PDB file of N, CA and C in Angstrom:
ATOM      1  N   MET A   1      80.184  31.353  32.611  1.00  0.00           N
ATOM      2  CA  MET A   1      79.397  31.903  30.960  1.00  0.00           C
ATOM      3  C   MET A   1      79.229  33.354  30.688  1.00  0.00           C
ATOM      4  N   THR A   2      79.520  32.943  29.507  1.00  0.00           N
ATOM      5  CA  THR A   2      79.513  34.290  27.916  1.00  0.00           C
ATOM      6  C   THR A   2      78.881  35.695  28.742  1.00  0.00           C
ATOM      7  N   GLN A   3      79.719  36.064  28.414  1.00  0.00           N
ATOM      8  CA  GLN A   3      79.211  37.982  28.331  1.00  0.00           C
ATOM      9  C   GLN A   3      78.374  37.961  27.448  1.00  0.00           C
ATOM     10  N   VAL A   4      77.013  38.873  27.492  1.00  0.00           N
ATOM     11  CA  VAL A   4      76.824  39.413  26.490  1.00  0.00           C
ATOM     12  C   VAL A   4      77.137  40.053  25.404  1.00  0.00           C
ATOM     13  N   ILE A   5      77.660  40.900  25.594  1.00  0.00           N
ATOM     14  CA  ILE A   5      78.600  41.644  24.950  1.00  0.00           C
ATOM     15  C   ILE A   5      80.137  42.144  24.933  1.00  0.00           C
ATOM     16  N   LYS A   6      81.008  42.484  23.977  1.00  0.00           N
ATOM     17  CA  LYS A   6      82.233  43.030  25.064  1.00  0.00           C
ATOM     18  C   LYS A   6      81.641  44.250  23.704  1.00  0.00           C
ATOM     19  N   LEU A   7      83.411  45.213  24.322  1.00  0.00           N
ATOM     20  CA  LEU A   7      84.006  46.899  23.401  1.00  0.00           C
ATOM     21  C   LEU A   7      84.938  45.907  23.640  1.00  0.00           C
ATOM     22  N   SER A   8      84.978  46.166  21.901  1.00  0.00           N
ATOM     23  CA  SER A   8      86.572  46.517  21.624  1.00  0.00           C
ATOM     24  C   SER A   8      86.757  48.263  22.305  1.00  0.00           C
ATOM     25  N   ASP A   9      88.503  48.447  22.477  1.00  0.00           N
ATOM     26  CA  ASP A   9      89.037  49.389  22.532  1.00  0.00           C
ATOM     27  C   ASP A   9      88.263  51.610  22.014  1.00  0.00           C
ATOM     28  N   LYS A  10      88.134  50.755  20.680  1.00  0.00           N
ATOM     29  CA  LYS A  10      87.444  51.749  19.960  1.00  0.00           C
ATOM     30  C   LYS A  10      86.508  51.526  19.925  1.00  0.00           C
ATOM     31  N   ALA A  11      85.587  50.539  20.397  1.00  0.00           N
ATOM     32  CA  ALA A  11      84.128  51.042  20.230  1.00  0.00           C
ATOM     33  C   ALA A  11      84.261  52.314  21.644  1.00  0.00           C
ATOM     34  N   ALA A  12      84.786  51.372  22.846  1.00  0.00           N
ATOM     35  CA  ALA A  12      84.505  52.082  24.628  1.00  0.00           C
ATOM     36  C   ALA A  12      85.486  53.688  24.143  1.00  0.00           C
ATOM     37  N   ASN A  13      86.447  53.869  23.597  1.00  0.00           N
ATOM     38  CA  ASN A  13      86.036  55.539  23.138  1.00  0.00           C
ATOM     39  C   ASN A  13      85.603  56.121  22.565  1.00  0.00           C
ATOM     40  N   ARG A  14      84.968  55.548  21.097  1.00  0.00           N
ATOM     41  CA  ARG A  14      84.196  56.909  20.697  1.00  0.00           C
ATOM     42  C   ARG A  14      82.929  57.179  22.012  1.00  0.00           C
ATOM     43  N   ILE A  15      82.035  55.906  22.223  1.00  0.00           N
ATOM     44  CA  ILE A  15      80.873  56.462  23.178  1.00  0.00           C
ATOM     45  C   ILE A  15      81.412  56.973  24.963  1.00  0.00           C
ATOM     46  N   LYS A  16      82.704  56.555  24.983  1.00  0.00           N
ATOM     47  CA  LYS A  16      83.405  58.183  25.815  1.00  0.00           C
ATOM     48  C   LYS A  16      83.416  59.644  24.587  1.00  0.00           C
ATOM     49  N   GLU A  17      83.337  59.695  24.261  1.00  0.00           N
ATOM     50  CA  GLU A  17      83.197  60.467  23.470  1.00  0.00           C
ATOM     51  C   GLU A  17      82.028  61.470  23.414  1.00  0.00           C
ATOM     52  N   ILE A  18      81.428  60.640  23.024  1.00  0.00           N
ATOM     53  CA  ILE A  18      79.932  60.507  23.039  1.00  0.00           C
ATOM     54  C   ILE A  18      79.575  61.504  23.738  1.00  0.00           C
ATOM     55  N   LEU A  19      79.624  60.561  24.679  1.00  0.00           N
ATOM     56  CA  LEU A  19      78.510  60.914  25.853  1.00  0.00           C
ATOM     57  C   LEU A  19      79.752  61.562  27.202  1.00  0.00           C
ATOM     58  N   SER A  20      80.330  62.127  26.848  1.00  0.00           N
ATOM     59  CA  SER A  20      81.157  62.648  26.962  1.00  0.00           C
ATOM     60  C   SER A  20      80.396  64.624  26.809  1.00  0.00           C
ATOM     61  N   GLN A  21      79.689  64.198  25.183  1.00  0.00           N
ATOM     62  CA  GLN A  21      78.965  65.445  25.107  1.00  0.00           C
ATOM     63  C   GLN A  21      77.497  65.714  25.796  1.00  0.00           C
ATOM     64  N   GLU A  22      77.290  64.656  26.320  1.00  0.00           N
ATOM     65  CA  GLU A  22      75.308  64.737  26.903  1.00  0.00           C
ATOM     66  C   GLU A  22      75.195  64.704  28.465  1.00  0.00           C
ATOM     67  N   LYS A  23      74.966  65.719  28.346  1.00  0.00           N
ATOM     68  CA  LYS A  23      74.169  65.411  29.691  1.00  0.00           C
ATOM     69  C   LYS A  23      73.042  64.793  30.537  1.00  0.00           C
ATOM     70  N   ASP A  24      73.262  64.471  32.284  1.00  0.00           N
ATOM     71  CA  ASP A  24      72.330  63.739  32.828  1.00  0.00           C
ATOM     72  C   ASP A  24      72.077  61.735  31.228  1.00  0.00           C
ATOM     73  N   THR A  25      73.220  61.508  30.557  1.00  0.00           N
ATOM     74  CA  THR A  25      73.408  60.717  30.671  1.00  0.00           C
ATOM     75  C   THR A  25      73.892  59.253  31.151  1.00  0.00           C
ATOM     76  N   MET A  26      73.811  58.791  31.252  1.00  0.00           N
ATOM     77  CA  MET A  26      74.591  57.276  32.675  1.00  0.00           C
ATOM     78  C   MET A  26      75.140  56.551  31.544  1.00  0.00           C
ATOM     79  N   GLY A  27      75.053  56.011  30.233  1.00  0.00           N
ATOM     80  CA  GLY A  27      75.525  54.662  29.352  1.00  0.00           C
ATOM     81  C   GLY A  27      75.095  54.780  27.877  1.00  0.00           C
ATOM     82  N   VAL A  28      75.073  54.054  26.893  1.00  0.00           N
ATOM     83  CA  VAL A  28      74.483  53.641  26.117  1.00  0.00           C
ATOM     84  C   VAL A  28      73.034  52.593  25.997  1.00  0.00           C
ATOM     85  N   ARG A  29      72.336  52.199  25.650  1.00  0.00           N
ATOM     86  CA  ARG A  29      70.914  50.833  25.323  1.00  0.00           C
ATOM     87  C   ARG A  29      70.910  50.414  24.719  1.00  0.00           C
ATOM     88  N   ILE A  30      71.665  49.261  24.030  1.00  0.00           N
ATOM     89  CA  ILE A  30      71.177  48.607  23.277  1.00  0.00           C
ATOM     90  C   ILE A  30      69.886  47.141  23.363  1.00  0.00           C
ATOM     91  N   GLY A  31      69.451  47.313  21.291  1.00  0.00           N
ATOM     92  CA  GLY A  31      68.563  45.685  21.896  1.00  0.00           C
ATOM     93  C   GLY A  31      68.813  45.401  19.864  1.00  0.00           C
ATOM     94  N   VAL A  32      67.897  45.124  19.185  1.00  0.00           N
ATOM     95  CA  VAL A  32      67.211  44.756  17.982  1.00  0.00           C
ATOM     96  C   VAL A  32      65.971  44.875  18.161  1.00  0.00           C
ATOM     97  N   LYS A  33      65.446  44.631  16.710  1.00  0.00           N
ATOM     98  CA  LYS A  33      64.471  45.171  17.002  1.00  0.00           C
ATOM     99  C   LYS A  33      64.058  43.834  15.319  1.00  0.00           C
ATOM    100  N   SER A  34      62.739  44.644  15.235  1.00  0.00           N
ATOM    101  CA  SER A  34      62.835  44.081  13.527  1.00  0.00           C
ATOM    102  C   SER A  34      62.480  44.726  13.197  1.00  0.00           C
ATOM    103  N   GLY A  35      62.959  43.929  11.737  1.00  0.00           N
ATOM    104  CA  GLY A  35      63.187  45.344  10.278  1.00  0.00           C
ATOM    105  C   GLY A  35      64.480  44.415   9.012  1.00  0.00           C
ATOM    106  N   GLY A  36      64.582  45.353   8.730  1.00  0.00           N
ATOM    107  CA  GLY A  36      65.704  45.519   7.722  1.00  0.00           C
ATOM    108  C   GLY A  36      65.129  44.029   6.356  1.00  0.00           C
ATOM    109  N   CYS A  37      66.135  43.371   5.758  1.00  0.00           N
ATOM    110  CA  CYS A  37      66.243  43.208   4.488  1.00  0.00           C
ATOM    111  C   CYS A  37      66.364  41.016   5.365  1.00  0.00           C
ATOM    112  N   ALA A  38      66.553  41.466   6.624  1.00  0.00           N
ATOM    113  CA  ALA A  38      67.386  39.514   7.107  1.00  0.00           C
ATOM    114  C   ALA A  38      65.717  39.402   7.732  1.00  0.00           C
ATOM    115  N   GLY A  39      65.631  40.691   9.189  1.00  0.00           N
ATOM    116  CA  GLY A  39      64.603  40.568  10.252  1.00  0.00           C
ATOM    117  C   GLY A  39      64.916  41.505  11.526  1.00  0.00           C
ATOM    118  N   MET A  40      65.892  41.022  10.798  1.00  0.00           N
ATOM    119  CA  MET A  40      66.294  42.574  12.935  1.00  0.00           C
ATOM    120  C   MET A  40      67.417  43.301  12.543  1.00  0.00           C
ATOM    121  N   ALA A  41      67.485  44.263  12.930  1.00  0.00           N
ATOM    122  CA  ALA A  41      68.209  44.844  12.840  1.00  0.00           C
ATOM    123  C   ALA A  41      68.468  45.197  14.885  1.00  0.00           C
ATOM    124  N   TYR A  42      70.098  45.639  14.694  1.00  0.00           N
ATOM    125  CA  TYR A  42      70.617  47.078  16.365  1.00  0.00           C
ATOM    126  C   TYR A  42      69.980  47.524  16.352  1.00  0.00           C
ATOM    127  N   ILE A  43      69.510  48.176  17.442  1.00  0.00           N
ATOM    128  CA  ILE A  43      69.546  49.459  17.832  1.00  0.00           C
ATOM    129  C   ILE A  43      70.287  49.838  19.253  1.00  0.00           C
ATOM    130  N   MET A  44      71.023  51.059  18.849  1.00  0.00           N
ATOM    131  CA  MET A  44      71.707  52.348  20.169  1.00  0.00           C
ATOM    132  C   MET A  44      70.325  53.371  20.093  1.00  0.00           C
ATOM    133  N   GLU A  45      70.560  53.855  22.486  1.00  0.00           N
ATOM    134  CA  GLU A  45      70.651  54.651  22.247  1.00  0.00           C
ATOM    135  C   GLU A  45      71.477  55.195  23.386  1.00  0.00           C
ATOM    136  N   TYR A  46      70.646  56.365  23.382  1.00  0.00           N
ATOM    137  CA  TYR A  46      71.674  56.765  24.314  1.00  0.00           C
ATOM    138  C   TYR A  46      70.672  56.772  26.237  1.00  0.00           C
ATOM    139  N   ALA A  47      70.753  55.683  26.909  1.00  0.00           N
ATOM    140  CA  ALA A  47      70.868  55.382  27.916  1.00  0.00           C
ATOM    141  C   ALA A  47      70.922  56.210  29.725  1.00  0.00           C
ATOM    142  N   LYS A  48      69.247  57.008  29.667  1.00  0.00           N
ATOM    143  CA  LYS A  48      69.556  57.192  30.833  1.00  0.00           C
ATOM    144  C   LYS A  48      69.675  57.245  31.998  1.00  0.00           C
ATOM    145  N   THR A  49      68.411  55.958  32.147  1.00  0.00           N
ATOM    146  CA  THR A  49      67.979  55.393  32.947  1.00  0.00           C
ATOM    147  C   THR A  49      68.014  54.216  33.233  1.00  0.00           C
ATOM    148  N   HIS A  50      67.911  53.357  34.407  1.00  0.00           N
ATOM    149  CA  HIS A  50      68.655  52.002  34.047  1.00  0.00           C
ATOM    150  C   HIS A  50      67.335  51.463  34.828  1.00  0.00           C
ATOM    151  N   GLN A  51      66.533  50.990  33.098  1.00  0.00           N
ATOM    152  CA  GLN A  51      65.322  49.845  33.519  1.00  0.00           C
ATOM    153  C   GLN A  51      65.212  48.519  34.131  1.00  0.00           C
ATOM    154  N   PRO A  52      64.124  48.673  35.187  1.00  0.00           N
ATOM    155  CA  PRO A  52      64.825  46.984  35.769  1.00  0.00           C
ATOM    156  C   PRO A  52      65.611  45.753  35.536  1.00  0.00           C
ATOM    157  N   ASN A  53      64.977  45.586  34.508  1.00  0.00           N
ATOM    158  CA  ASN A  53      64.978  44.519  34.255  1.00  0.00           C
ATOM    159  C   ASN A  53      66.386  44.013  32.901  1.00  0.00           C
ATOM    160  N   ASP A  54      67.233  45.404  32.494  1.00  0.00           N
ATOM    161  CA  ASP A  54      68.571  46.078  31.836  1.00  0.00           C
ATOM    162  C   ASP A  54      69.708  44.970  32.760  1.00  0.00           C
ATOM    163  N   GLU A  55      70.847  44.421  31.281  1.00  0.00           N
ATOM    164  CA  GLU A  55      71.828  43.852  31.761  1.00  0.00           C
ATOM    165  C   GLU A  55      72.578  45.100  31.762  1.00  0.00           C
ATOM    166  N   LEU A  56      72.787  45.179  33.051  1.00  0.00           N
ATOM    167  CA  LEU A  56      74.782  46.222  32.815  1.00  0.00           C
ATOM    168  C   LEU A  56      75.978  45.320  32.433  1.00  0.00           C
ATOM    169  N   ILE A  57      76.249  45.866  31.271  1.00  0.00           N
ATOM    170  CA  ILE A  57      78.149  45.857  31.834  1.00  0.00           C
ATOM    171  C   ILE A  57      78.964  46.703  31.597  1.00  0.00           C
ATOM    172  N   GLU A  58      79.888  47.069  32.525  1.00  0.00           N
ATOM    173  CA  GLU A  58      80.012  48.339  32.617  1.00  0.00           C
ATOM    174  C   GLU A  58      81.919  47.159  32.172  1.00  0.00           C
ATOM    175  N   GLU A  59      81.928  48.124  31.002  1.00  0.00           N
ATOM    176  CA  GLU A  59      84.266  48.032  30.758  1.00  0.00           C
ATOM    177  C   GLU A  59      83.997  49.326  29.914  1.00  0.00           C
ATOM    178  N   LYS A  60      85.550  48.657  30.234  1.00  0.00           N
ATOM    179  CA  LYS A  60      86.412  50.173  29.721  1.00  0.00           C
ATOM    180  C   LYS A  60      86.104  51.219  30.257  1.00  0.00           C
ATOM    181  N   GLY A  61      85.866  51.908  31.106  1.00  0.00           N
ATOM    182  CA  GLY A  61      84.457  52.758  31.974  1.00  0.00           C
ATOM    183  C   GLY A  61      83.717  52.933  30.912  1.00  0.00           C
ATOM    184  N   VAL A  62      82.577  52.392  30.087  1.00  0.00           N
ATOM    185  CA  VAL A  62      81.454  52.824  29.826  1.00  0.00           C
ATOM    186  C   VAL A  62      80.963  51.372  30.208  1.00  0.00           C
ATOM    187  N   LYS A  63      78.961  52.594  30.209  1.00  0.00           N
ATOM    188  CA  LYS A  63      78.625  51.661  31.312  1.00  0.00           C
ATOM    189  C   LYS A  63      77.556  51.274  29.955  1.00  0.00           C
ATOM    190  N   VAL A  64      77.135  50.156  29.922  1.00  0.00           N
ATOM    191  CA  VAL A  64      76.278  49.305  28.788  1.00  0.00           C
ATOM    192  C   VAL A  64      74.859  48.589  28.421  1.00  0.00           C
ATOM    193  N   PHE A  65      73.828  49.224  29.039  1.00  0.00           N
ATOM    194  CA  PHE A  65      72.780  48.836  28.895  1.00  0.00           C
ATOM    195  C   PHE A  65      72.067  48.041  28.125  1.00  0.00           C
ATOM    196  N   ILE A  66      72.076  46.131  28.323  1.00  0.00           N
ATOM    197  CA  ILE A  66      71.642  45.166  27.317  1.00  0.00           C
ATOM    198  C   ILE A  66      69.139  45.714  27.938  1.00  0.00           C
ATOM    199  N   ASP A  67      69.131  46.102  26.108  1.00  0.00           N
ATOM    200  CA  ASP A  67      67.285  45.416  26.597  1.00  0.00           C
ATOM    201  C   ASP A  67      67.093  43.861  26.744  1.00  0.00           C
ATOM    202  N   PRO A  68      66.683  42.905  28.161  1.00  0.00           N
ATOM    203  CA  PRO A  68      66.604  41.848  28.109  1.00  0.00           C
ATOM    204  C   PRO A  68      66.232  41.218  27.434  1.00  0.00           C
ATOM    205  N   SER A  69      65.760  41.547  26.085  1.00  0.00           N
ATOM    206  CA  SER A  69      64.671  40.853  25.501  1.00  0.00           C
ATOM    207  C   SER A  69      65.864  40.486  23.385  1.00  0.00           C
ATOM    208  N   ALA A  70      66.685  41.797  24.095  1.00  0.00           N
ATOM    209  CA  ALA A  70      67.894  40.779  23.433  1.00  0.00           C
ATOM    210  C   ALA A  70      68.729  40.559  23.417  1.00  0.00           C
ATOM    211  N   ILE A  71      68.729  40.206  25.042  1.00  0.00           N
ATOM    212  CA  ILE A  71      70.352  39.373  25.183  1.00  0.00           C
ATOM    213  C   ILE A  71      70.718  37.596  24.453  1.00  0.00           C
ATOM    214  N   MET A  72      69.611  37.851  24.186  1.00  0.00           N
ATOM    215  CA  MET A  72      69.805  35.554  23.388  1.00  0.00           C
ATOM    216  C   MET A  72      70.458  35.899  22.012  1.00  0.00           C
ATOM    217  N   TYR A  73      70.301  37.183  21.275  1.00  0.00           N
ATOM    218  CA  TYR A  73      70.254  36.974  20.060  1.00  0.00           C
ATOM    219  C   TYR A  73      71.838  38.088  19.873  1.00  0.00           C
ATOM    220  N   LEU A  74      72.521  38.609  21.346  1.00  0.00           N
ATOM    221  CA  LEU A  74      73.609  39.411  21.021  1.00  0.00           C
ATOM    222  C   LEU A  74      74.888  38.842  21.843  1.00  0.00           C
ATOM    223  N   LEU A  75      74.421  37.240  22.645  1.00  0.00           N
ATOM    224  CA  LEU A  75      74.909  36.428  23.624  1.00  0.00           C
ATOM    225  C   LEU A  75      76.648  36.684  23.190  1.00  0.00           C
ATOM    226  N   GLY A  76      77.343  36.351  23.208  1.00  0.00           N
ATOM    227  CA  GLY A  76      78.524  37.065  22.603  1.00  0.00           C
ATOM    228  C   GLY A  76      79.281  37.522  21.680  1.00  0.00           C
ATOM    229  N   THR A  77      78.861  38.515  21.134  1.00  0.00           N
ATOM    230  CA  THR A  77      78.447  38.963  20.763  1.00  0.00           C
ATOM    231  C   THR A  77      79.818  40.624  21.047  1.00  0.00           C
ATOM    232  N   GLU A  78      80.878  41.657  19.662  1.00  0.00           N
ATOM    233  CA  GLU A  78      81.480  42.413  20.134  1.00  0.00           C
ATOM    234  C   GLU A  78      81.352  43.539  19.399  1.00  0.00           C
ATOM    235  N   MET A  79      80.928  44.535  20.218  1.00  0.00           N
ATOM    236  CA  MET A  79      80.646  46.088  19.920  1.00  0.00           C
ATOM    237  C   MET A  79      81.619  46.079  19.361  1.00  0.00           C
ATOM    238  N   ASP A  80      82.551  47.035  18.104  1.00  0.00           N
ATOM    239  CA  ASP A  80      83.477  47.857  17.278  1.00  0.00           C
ATOM    240  C   ASP A  80      82.723  48.570  16.448  1.00  0.00           C
ATOM    241  N   TYR A  81      83.999  49.818  16.832  1.00  0.00           N
ATOM    242  CA  TYR A  81      83.861  50.902  16.334  1.00  0.00           C
ATOM    243  C   TYR A  81      85.137  51.197  14.648  1.00  0.00           C
ATOM    244  N   LYS A  82      84.687  51.099  13.519  1.00  0.00           N
ATOM    245  CA  LYS A  82      85.081  51.542  11.833  1.00  0.00           C
ATOM    246  C   LYS A  82      84.923  52.095  11.540  1.00  0.00           C
ATOM    247  N   VAL A  83      85.828  53.072  11.040  1.00  0.00           N
ATOM    248  CA  VAL A  83      86.456  54.668  10.320  1.00  0.00           C
ATOM    249  C   VAL A  83      87.224  53.631   8.978  1.00  0.00           C
ATOM    250  N   GLU A  84      86.002  54.526   7.764  1.00  0.00           N
ATOM    251  CA  GLU A  84      86.490  54.373   6.508  1.00  0.00           C
ATOM    252  C   GLU A  84      86.760  55.910   6.429  1.00  0.00           C
ATOM    253  N   GLU A  85      87.117  55.820   4.711  1.00  0.00           N
ATOM    254  CA  GLU A  85      86.805  57.441   4.241  1.00  0.00           C
ATOM    255  C   GLU A  85      86.136  57.548   4.166  1.00  0.00           C
ATOM    256  N   PHE A  86      84.721  57.754   4.428  1.00  0.00           N
ATOM    257  CA  PHE A  86      83.887  58.868   3.678  1.00  0.00           C
ATOM    258  C   PHE A  86      82.527  58.223   4.737  1.00  0.00           C
ATOM    259  N   SER A  87      82.863  57.640   5.805  1.00  0.00           N
ATOM    260  CA  SER A  87      82.051  56.899   7.138  1.00  0.00           C
ATOM    261  C   SER A  87      82.772  56.164   7.931  1.00  0.00           C
ATOM    262  N   SER A  88      82.087  56.369   9.379  1.00  0.00           N
ATOM    263  CA  SER A  88      82.212  55.219  10.661  1.00  0.00           C
ATOM    264  C   SER A  88      80.978  55.278  11.533  1.00  0.00           C
ATOM    265  N   SER A  89      81.014  53.694  12.101  1.00  0.00           N
ATOM    266  CA  SER A  89      80.205  53.197  12.604  1.00  0.00           C
ATOM    267  C   SER A  89      80.603  51.861  13.465  1.00  0.00           C
ATOM    268  N   PHE A  90      79.582  52.242  14.574  1.00  0.00           N
ATOM    269  CA  PHE A  90      79.556  51.484  15.622  1.00  0.00           C
ATOM    270  C   PHE A  90      78.888  49.372  14.159  1.00  0.00           C
ATOM    271  N   VAL A  91      79.985  48.582  14.575  1.00  0.00           N
ATOM    272  CA  VAL A  91      80.041  46.869  13.939  1.00  0.00           C
ATOM    273  C   VAL A  91      79.272  46.147  14.797  1.00  0.00           C
ATOM    274  N   PHE A  92      78.701  45.345  14.727  1.00  0.00           N
ATOM    275  CA  PHE A  92      77.960  44.440  15.697  1.00  0.00           C
ATOM    276  C   PHE A  92      79.576  42.877  15.073  1.00  0.00           C
ATOM    277  N   ASN A  93      79.954  42.375  15.569  1.00  0.00           N
ATOM    278  CA  ASN A  93      80.595  40.744  15.382  1.00  0.00           C
ATOM    279  C   ASN A  93      79.655  40.037  16.216  1.00  0.00           C
ATOM    280  N   ASN A  94      79.098  39.609  15.581  1.00  0.00           N
ATOM    281  CA  ASN A  94      78.138  38.528  16.705  1.00  0.00           C
ATOM    282  C   ASN A  94      78.012  36.825  16.266  1.00  0.00           C
ATOM    283  N   PRO A  95      78.544  35.993  16.564  1.00  0.00           N
ATOM    284  CA  PRO A  95      78.823  34.561  16.422  1.00  0.00           C
ATOM    285  C   PRO A  95      77.472  34.169  16.234  1.00  0.00           C
ATOM    286  N   ASN A  96      76.181  34.931  16.466  1.00  0.00           N
ATOM    287  CA  ASN A  96      74.996  34.276  16.761  1.00  0.00           C
ATOM    288  C   ASN A  96      74.348  34.534  15.569  1.00  0.00           C
ATOM    289  N   GLU A  97      74.898  35.405  14.344  1.00  0.00           N
ATOM    290  CA  GLU A  97      74.624  35.683  13.249  1.00  0.00           C
ATOM    291  C   GLU A  97      74.616  34.796  12.228  1.00  0.00           C
ATOM    292  N   THR A  98      73.309  34.038  11.466  1.00  0.00           N
ATOM    293  CA  THR A  98      73.285  32.879  10.499  1.00  0.00           C
ATOM    294  C   THR A  98      73.850  33.913   9.236  1.00  0.00           C
ATOM    295  N   GLU A  99      73.229  35.199   9.368  1.00  0.00           N
ATOM    296  CA  GLU A  99      72.895  35.678   7.648  1.00  0.00           C
ATOM    297  C   GLU A  99      72.792  37.583   8.059  1.00  0.00           C
ATOM    298  N   ARG A 100      73.596  38.077   6.935  1.00  0.00           N
ATOM    299  CA  ARG A 100      73.780  38.910   7.208  1.00  0.00           C
ATOM    300  C   ARG A 100      73.110  39.726   5.611  1.00  0.00           C
ATOM    301  N   CYS A 101      72.719  41.476   5.240  1.00  0.00           N
ATOM    302  CA  CYS A 101      72.126  41.557   4.653  1.00  0.00           C
ATOM    303  C   CYS A 101      72.955  42.011   4.074  1.00  0.00           C
ATOM    304  N   GLY A 102      73.092  42.692   2.618  1.00  0.00           N
ATOM    305  CA  GLY A 102      74.132  43.279   1.705  1.00  0.00           C
ATOM    306  C   GLY A 102      73.961  44.414   2.684  1.00  0.00           C
ATOM    307  N   CYS A 103      73.782  45.017   2.902  1.00  0.00           N
ATOM    308  CA  CYS A 103      74.113  46.731   3.000  1.00  0.00           C
ATOM    309  C   CYS A 103      74.075  46.713   4.439  1.00  0.00           C
ATOM    310  N   GLY A 104      74.347  45.683   5.585  1.00  0.00           N
ATOM    311  CA  GLY A 104      74.755  45.525   6.611  1.00  0.00           C
ATOM    312  C   GLY A 104      74.086  45.625   7.523  1.00  0.00           C
ATOM    313  N   GLU A 105      72.929  46.673   7.225  1.00  0.00           N
ATOM    314  CA  GLU A 105      71.220  47.210   9.075  1.00  0.00           C
ATOM    315  C   GLU A 105      71.505  45.788   8.906  1.00  0.00           C
ATOM    316  N   SER A 106      71.162  45.132   8.833  1.00  0.00           N
ATOM    317  CA  SER A 106      70.117  43.885   9.058  1.00  0.00           C
ATOM    318  C   SER A 106      71.002  42.482  10.012  1.00  0.00           C
ATOM    319  N   PHE A 107      70.453  41.203   9.574  1.00  0.00           N
ATOM    320  CA  PHE A 107      71.341  40.243  10.473  1.00  0.00           C
ATOM    321  C   PHE A 107      69.977  39.302  10.654  1.00  0.00           C
ATOM    322  N   LYS A 108      69.869  38.139  10.886  1.00  0.00           N
ATOM    323  CA  LYS A 108      69.251  37.184  10.990  1.00  0.00           C
ATOM    324  C   LYS A 108      69.774  35.779  11.777  1.00  0.00           C
ATOM    325  N   ILE A 109      69.627  35.458  12.610  1.00  0.00           N
ATOM    326  CA  ILE A 109      69.615  34.557  13.145  1.00  0.00           C
ATOM    327  C   ILE A 109      68.695  33.215  13.701  1.00  0.00           C
ATOM    328  N   SER A 110      69.114  31.450  12.809  1.00  0.00           N
ATOM    329  CA  SER A 110      68.113  30.673  12.472  1.00  0.00           C
ATOM    330  C   SER A 110      68.484  30.324  13.199  1.00  0.00           C
ATOM    331  N   ASN A 111      67.411  29.377  14.310  1.00  0.00           N
ATOM    332  CA  ASN A 111      66.792  28.558  15.878  1.00  0.00           C
ATOM    333  C   ASN A 111      67.543  27.458  15.323  1.00  0.00           C
TER     334      ASN A 111
END
């Protein structure tokens, strides 16, 4: 079975850095929501509890909780962390994407 999401070393290290400054946080929760130019956007938030239907992925010392409604959209995705001259951000390399908006904030998956 394909893992829902994989973490690059950079992403795992950045999540560890962020979580080291947060109290009572177990990991990060990743999901998707409707919105943006292309129709869907990734969401990422602190996970303070393990929700009953969350998919838990433990990789490289990090716990990632996947919202159950997002699993089919994220299957096979690699999460990376990119640092550029004036910005830094988490990047989702999703093989299921069929379209991405110009600003890179949203995506589309065709059925």
